[in-house]
Amino acid sequence: MQAVKDKINEMGALRKVKEEARAEERAEKEIAKARVDVAHEVRLAKEAEAAMSLHVAMAGEIARSGDKAAHEHEIKAMHTANGTNTTHEHGASPAEMAGAGGHPAYKRMP
């Protein structure tokens, strides 16, 4: 009778050890899944940061080109207000503007 009681106690202890091992495995799987999720979020954040840097650079280029265009517009407006001819202001002759053919309206056909 004692052997049967010992066997039942051993089975109970074995079942308890197996359950603890399963619980430990589940915890390890959850930790691994959490690490994968964190790595995924970090990757998405880095991609978003790179995209943001690209957009900031593009915005800077647009701002610089807008400033340049505004500056050129101001220069033309000042020349017009002063009565100067902006076409010839920068040293371009009508021949140069038409490409050695004289006035643009009278450009020679090849």
N, C-alpha and C. Protein backbone atom coordinates (compact mmCIF):
# COMPACT_ATOMS: atom_id res chain seq x y z
N MET A 1 0.82 -1.18 0.00
CA MET A 1 0.00 0.00 0.00
C MET A 1 0.87 1.26 0.00
N GLN A 2 1.95 1.20 0.72
CA GLN A 2 2.87 2.34 0.79
C GLN A 2 3.47 2.63 -0.59
N ALA A 3 3.74 1.58 -1.35
CA ALA A 3 4.32 1.75 -2.68
C ALA A 3 3.35 2.49 -3.60
N VAL A 4 2.06 2.21 -3.46
CA VAL A 4 1.04 2.88 -4.28
C VAL A 4 0.97 4.35 -3.90
N LYS A 5 1.00 4.64 -2.59
CA LYS A 5 0.97 6.04 -2.15
C LYS A 5 2.21 6.79 -2.64
N ASP A 6 3.36 6.13 -2.57
CA ASP A 6 4.59 6.77 -3.06
C ASP A 6 4.50 7.04 -4.57
N LYS A 7 3.96 6.08 -5.30
CA LYS A 7 3.81 6.22 -6.75
C LYS A 7 2.88 7.38 -7.07
N ILE A 8 1.77 7.52 -6.36
CA ILE A 8 0.81 8.62 -6.57
C ILE A 8 1.47 9.95 -6.24
N ASN A 9 2.24 9.99 -5.16
CA ASN A 9 2.96 11.22 -4.79
C ASN A 9 3.99 11.59 -5.85
N GLU A 10 4.68 10.58 -6.40
CA GLU A 10 5.67 10.83 -7.44
C GLU A 10 4.99 11.37 -8.70
N MET A 11 3.82 10.81 -9.04
CA MET A 11 3.09 11.27 -10.22
C MET A 11 2.62 12.71 -10.03
N GLY A 12 2.18 13.01 -8.83
CA GLY A 12 1.75 14.39 -8.53
C GLY A 12 2.92 15.36 -8.63
N ALA A 13 4.06 14.94 -8.09
CA ALA A 13 5.26 15.80 -8.14
C ALA A 13 5.72 15.97 -9.59
N LEU A 14 5.68 14.88 -10.37
CA LEU A 14 6.07 14.93 -11.76
C LEU A 14 5.15 15.86 -12.54
N ARG A 15 3.85 15.77 -12.29
CA ARG A 15 2.88 16.63 -12.96
C ARG A 15 3.15 18.11 -12.61
N LYS A 16 3.48 18.36 -11.34
CA LYS A 16 3.77 19.72 -10.90
C LYS A 16 5.03 20.26 -11.60
N VAL A 17 6.06 19.44 -11.73
CA VAL A 17 7.30 19.84 -12.40
C VAL A 17 7.03 20.13 -13.88
N LYS A 18 6.23 19.27 -14.52
CA LYS A 18 5.90 19.48 -15.93
C LYS A 18 5.15 20.80 -16.12
N GLU A 19 4.21 21.08 -15.25
CA GLU A 19 3.43 22.31 -15.33
C GLU A 19 4.33 23.54 -15.15
N GLU A 20 5.27 23.45 -14.22
CA GLU A 20 6.22 24.56 -14.02
C GLU A 20 7.08 24.76 -15.27
N ALA A 21 7.50 23.65 -15.89
CA ALA A 21 8.32 23.74 -17.10
C ALA A 21 7.51 24.38 -18.24
N ARG A 22 6.22 24.00 -18.36
CA ARG A 22 5.37 24.60 -19.39
C ARG A 22 5.18 26.09 -19.14
N ALA A 23 4.98 26.47 -17.88
CA ALA A 23 4.80 27.88 -17.54
C ALA A 23 6.07 28.67 -17.87
N GLU A 24 7.22 28.08 -17.59
CA GLU A 24 8.48 28.74 -17.90
C GLU A 24 8.64 28.90 -19.41
N GLU A 25 8.27 27.89 -20.17
CA GLU A 25 8.34 27.97 -21.64
C GLU A 25 7.43 29.06 -22.17
N ARG A 26 6.21 29.12 -21.63
CA ARG A 26 5.26 30.17 -22.06
C ARG A 26 5.84 31.55 -21.77
N ALA A 27 6.43 31.72 -20.60
CA ALA A 27 7.03 33.01 -20.24
C ALA A 27 8.17 33.37 -21.19
N GLU A 28 9.01 32.39 -21.54
CA GLU A 28 10.11 32.63 -22.47
C GLU A 28 9.59 33.00 -23.85
N LYS A 29 8.51 32.33 -24.28
CA LYS A 29 7.91 32.65 -25.59
C LYS A 29 7.35 34.07 -25.60
N GLU A 30 6.72 34.47 -24.49
CA GLU A 30 6.17 35.82 -24.40
C GLU A 30 7.28 36.86 -24.44
N ILE A 31 8.39 36.56 -23.75
CA ILE A 31 9.53 37.48 -23.76
C ILE A 31 10.10 37.59 -25.17
N ALA A 32 10.23 36.46 -25.86
CA ALA A 32 10.75 36.47 -27.23
C ALA A 32 9.83 37.25 -28.15
N LYS A 33 8.51 37.06 -27.99
CA LYS A 33 7.55 37.78 -28.81
C LYS A 33 7.63 39.28 -28.53
N ALA A 34 7.78 39.63 -27.27
CA ALA A 34 7.91 41.05 -26.91
C ALA A 34 9.16 41.66 -27.55
N ARG A 35 10.26 40.90 -27.56
CA ARG A 35 11.49 41.41 -28.18
C ARG A 35 11.30 41.62 -29.68
N VAL A 36 10.60 40.69 -30.33
CA VAL A 36 10.33 40.82 -31.76
C VAL A 36 9.46 42.05 -32.00
N ASP A 37 8.45 42.24 -31.17
CA ASP A 37 7.57 43.41 -31.31
C ASP A 37 8.35 44.71 -31.12
N VAL A 38 9.23 44.73 -30.14
CA VAL A 38 10.04 45.93 -29.89
C VAL A 38 10.95 46.19 -31.08
N ALA A 39 11.60 45.16 -31.61
CA ALA A 39 12.48 45.33 -32.77
C ALA A 39 11.69 45.85 -33.96
N HIS A 40 10.48 45.36 -34.15
CA HIS A 40 9.63 45.81 -35.25
C HIS A 40 9.30 47.30 -35.09
N GLU A 41 8.92 47.70 -33.89
CA GLU A 41 8.58 49.10 -33.65
C GLU A 41 9.81 50.00 -33.82
N VAL A 42 10.97 49.53 -33.40
CA VAL A 42 12.20 50.31 -33.57
C VAL A 42 12.49 50.49 -35.06
N ARG A 43 12.32 49.44 -35.84
CA ARG A 43 12.54 49.53 -37.28
C ARG A 43 11.58 50.54 -37.91
N LEU A 44 10.30 50.47 -37.52
CA LEU A 44 9.33 51.42 -38.06
C LEU A 44 9.69 52.85 -37.67
N ALA A 45 10.16 53.03 -36.44
CA ALA A 45 10.55 54.37 -35.98
C ALA A 45 11.74 54.89 -36.78
N LYS A 46 12.71 54.02 -37.06
CA LYS A 46 13.88 54.44 -37.85
C LYS A 46 13.46 54.80 -39.27
N GLU A 47 12.55 54.02 -39.85
CA GLU A 47 12.07 54.32 -41.19
C GLU A 47 11.34 55.66 -41.20
N ALA A 48 10.52 55.90 -40.19
CA ALA A 48 9.78 57.16 -40.10
C ALA A 48 10.75 58.32 -39.92
N GLU A 49 11.80 58.12 -39.13
CA GLU A 49 12.79 59.17 -38.92
C GLU A 49 13.52 59.49 -40.23
N ALA A 50 13.85 58.45 -40.99
CA ALA A 50 14.52 58.66 -42.27
C ALA A 50 13.60 59.41 -43.24
N ALA A 51 12.33 59.02 -43.26
CA ALA A 51 11.37 59.71 -44.13
C ALA A 51 11.21 61.17 -43.71
N MET A 52 11.21 61.40 -42.40
CA MET A 52 11.08 62.76 -41.89
C MET A 52 12.29 63.59 -42.30
N SER A 53 13.48 63.01 -42.21
CA SER A 53 14.69 63.73 -42.62
C SER A 53 14.63 64.08 -44.11
N LEU A 54 14.14 63.14 -44.90
CA LEU A 54 14.00 63.39 -46.33
C LEU A 54 13.03 64.54 -46.59
N HIS A 55 11.90 64.53 -45.89
CA HIS A 55 10.92 65.60 -46.07
C HIS A 55 11.47 66.94 -45.62
N VAL A 56 12.24 66.96 -44.54
CA VAL A 56 12.84 68.20 -44.07
C VAL A 56 13.84 68.72 -45.10
N ALA A 57 14.63 67.82 -45.66
CA ALA A 57 15.59 68.23 -46.69
C ALA A 57 14.86 68.79 -47.91
N MET A 58 13.80 68.11 -48.31
CA MET A 58 13.03 68.58 -49.47
C MET A 58 12.41 69.95 -49.18
N ALA A 59 11.89 70.13 -47.96
CA ALA A 59 11.30 71.41 -47.58
C ALA A 59 12.37 72.51 -47.61
N GLY A 60 13.58 72.17 -47.17
CA GLY A 60 14.67 73.14 -47.23
C GLY A 60 15.00 73.54 -48.65
N GLU A 61 15.04 72.56 -49.56
CA GLU A 61 15.29 72.85 -50.96
C GLU A 61 14.19 73.74 -51.54
N ILE A 62 12.95 73.42 -51.21
CA ILE A 62 11.83 74.22 -51.70
C ILE A 62 11.93 75.64 -51.16
N ALA A 63 12.27 75.76 -49.88
CA ALA A 63 12.40 77.09 -49.28
C ALA A 63 13.53 77.87 -49.94
N ARG A 64 14.67 77.20 -50.18
CA ARG A 64 15.79 77.89 -50.82
C ARG A 64 15.42 78.32 -52.24
N SER A 65 14.75 77.45 -53.00
CA SER A 65 14.37 77.82 -54.36
C SER A 65 13.32 78.92 -54.34
N GLY A 66 12.44 78.89 -53.35
CA GLY A 66 11.44 79.95 -53.21
C GLY A 66 12.08 81.28 -52.86
N ASP A 67 13.09 81.24 -51.97
CA ASP A 67 13.82 82.46 -51.62
C ASP A 67 14.55 83.02 -52.84
N LYS A 68 15.14 82.12 -53.63
CA LYS A 68 15.87 82.54 -54.82
C LYS A 68 14.89 83.18 -55.82
N ALA A 69 13.75 82.54 -56.02
CA ALA A 69 12.75 83.07 -56.95
C ALA A 69 12.23 84.42 -56.44
N ALA A 70 12.00 84.52 -55.14
CA ALA A 70 11.51 85.79 -54.57
C ALA A 70 12.57 86.87 -54.75
N HIS A 71 13.84 86.53 -54.56
CA HIS A 71 14.93 87.50 -54.72
C HIS A 71 14.99 87.96 -56.18
N GLU A 72 14.90 87.03 -57.11
CA GLU A 72 14.93 87.39 -58.53
C GLU A 72 13.73 88.26 -58.89
N HIS A 73 12.58 87.96 -58.31
CA HIS A 73 11.38 88.75 -58.56
C HIS A 73 11.58 90.17 -58.03
N GLU A 74 12.19 90.30 -56.84
CA GLU A 74 12.46 91.62 -56.27
C GLU A 74 13.42 92.40 -57.15
N ILE A 75 14.45 91.72 -57.68
CA ILE A 75 15.42 92.39 -58.56
C ILE A 75 14.71 92.91 -59.80
N LYS A 76 13.87 92.07 -60.41
CA LYS A 76 13.14 92.49 -61.61
C LYS A 76 12.21 93.64 -61.30
N ALA A 77 11.55 93.58 -60.14
CA ALA A 77 10.63 94.65 -59.75
C ALA A 77 11.39 95.95 -59.54
N MET A 78 12.58 95.88 -58.94
CA MET A 78 13.37 97.10 -58.72
C MET A 78 13.80 97.68 -60.05
N HIS A 79 14.23 96.83 -61.00
CA HIS A 79 14.66 97.32 -62.30
C HIS A 79 13.49 97.93 -63.06
N THR A 80 12.34 97.33 -62.96
CA THR A 80 11.16 97.87 -63.63
C THR A 80 10.77 99.20 -63.01
N ALA A 81 10.85 99.30 -61.70
CA ALA A 81 10.50 100.54 -61.01
C ALA A 81 11.51 101.64 -61.34
N ASN A 82 12.77 101.28 -61.54
CA ASN A 82 13.80 102.26 -61.88
C ASN A 82 13.80 102.62 -63.35
N GLY A 83 13.08 101.87 -64.15
CA GLY A 83 13.01 102.14 -65.58
C GLY A 83 14.13 101.49 -66.36
N THR A 84 14.85 100.58 -65.76
CA THR A 84 15.93 99.90 -66.48
C THR A 84 15.38 98.68 -67.18
N ASN A 85 16.05 98.29 -68.23
CA ASN A 85 15.63 97.13 -69.01
C ASN A 85 16.26 95.89 -68.40
N THR A 86 15.46 95.00 -67.84
CA THR A 86 16.00 93.81 -67.17
C THR A 86 16.56 92.81 -68.15
N THR A 87 16.15 92.86 -69.40
CA THR A 87 16.63 91.91 -70.39
C THR A 87 18.12 92.12 -70.63
N HIS A 88 18.54 93.39 -70.71
CA HIS A 88 19.92 93.70 -71.02
C HIS A 88 20.74 93.95 -69.76
N GLU A 89 20.13 93.92 -68.62
CA GLU A 89 20.79 94.26 -67.37
C GLU A 89 21.94 93.32 -67.04
N HIS A 90 21.80 92.08 -67.39
CA HIS A 90 22.80 91.08 -67.00
C HIS A 90 23.77 90.78 -68.14
N GLY A 91 23.86 91.65 -69.12
CA GLY A 91 24.87 91.52 -70.16
C GLY A 91 24.47 90.67 -71.34
N ALA A 92 23.23 90.26 -71.45
CA ALA A 92 22.82 89.43 -72.58
C ALA A 92 22.31 90.34 -73.69
N SER A 93 22.90 90.20 -74.87
CA SER A 93 22.45 90.99 -76.01
C SER A 93 21.30 90.26 -76.68
N PRO A 94 20.54 90.94 -77.52
CA PRO A 94 19.46 90.24 -78.23
C PRO A 94 19.99 89.09 -79.06
N ALA A 95 21.20 89.23 -79.61
CA ALA A 95 21.78 88.15 -80.40
C ALA A 95 22.07 86.94 -79.51
N GLU A 96 22.59 87.21 -78.32
CA GLU A 96 22.87 86.09 -77.39
C GLU A 96 21.58 85.43 -76.95
N MET A 97 20.55 86.24 -76.72
CA MET A 97 19.29 85.67 -76.25
C MET A 97 18.65 84.82 -77.34
N ALA A 98 18.80 85.20 -78.59
CA ALA A 98 18.20 84.45 -79.68
C ALA A 98 19.14 83.37 -80.18
N GLY A 99 20.36 83.36 -79.70
CA GLY A 99 21.32 82.34 -80.10
C GLY A 99 21.99 82.68 -81.41
N ALA A 100 22.62 83.85 -81.52
CA ALA A 100 23.38 84.30 -82.67
C ALA A 100 22.51 84.49 -83.91
N GLY A 101 21.23 84.55 -83.75
CA GLY A 101 20.35 84.75 -84.89
C GLY A 101 19.72 86.12 -84.88
N GLY A 102 20.10 86.99 -83.97
CA GLY A 102 19.51 88.32 -83.90
C GLY A 102 18.32 88.34 -82.96
N HIS A 103 17.34 89.12 -83.33
CA HIS A 103 16.15 89.26 -82.50
C HIS A 103 15.39 87.93 -82.47
N PRO A 104 14.81 87.57 -81.30
CA PRO A 104 14.13 86.27 -81.19
C PRO A 104 12.99 86.10 -82.18
N ALA A 105 12.29 87.18 -82.52
CA ALA A 105 11.18 87.06 -83.46
C ALA A 105 11.66 86.78 -84.88
N TYR A 106 12.91 87.18 -85.17
CA TYR A 106 13.46 87.01 -86.51
C TYR A 106 14.52 85.92 -86.56
N LYS A 107 14.37 84.94 -85.75
CA LYS A 107 15.35 83.87 -85.68
C LYS A 107 15.35 83.10 -86.99
N ARG A 108 16.56 82.89 -87.54
CA ARG A 108 16.73 82.22 -88.81
C ARG A 108 16.43 80.73 -88.67
N MET A 109 15.73 80.19 -89.62
CA MET A 109 15.40 78.76 -89.61
C MET A 109 16.55 78.00 -90.25
N PRO A 110 16.89 76.82 -89.80
CA PRO A 110 18.00 76.05 -90.39
C PRO A 110 17.67 75.49 -91.75
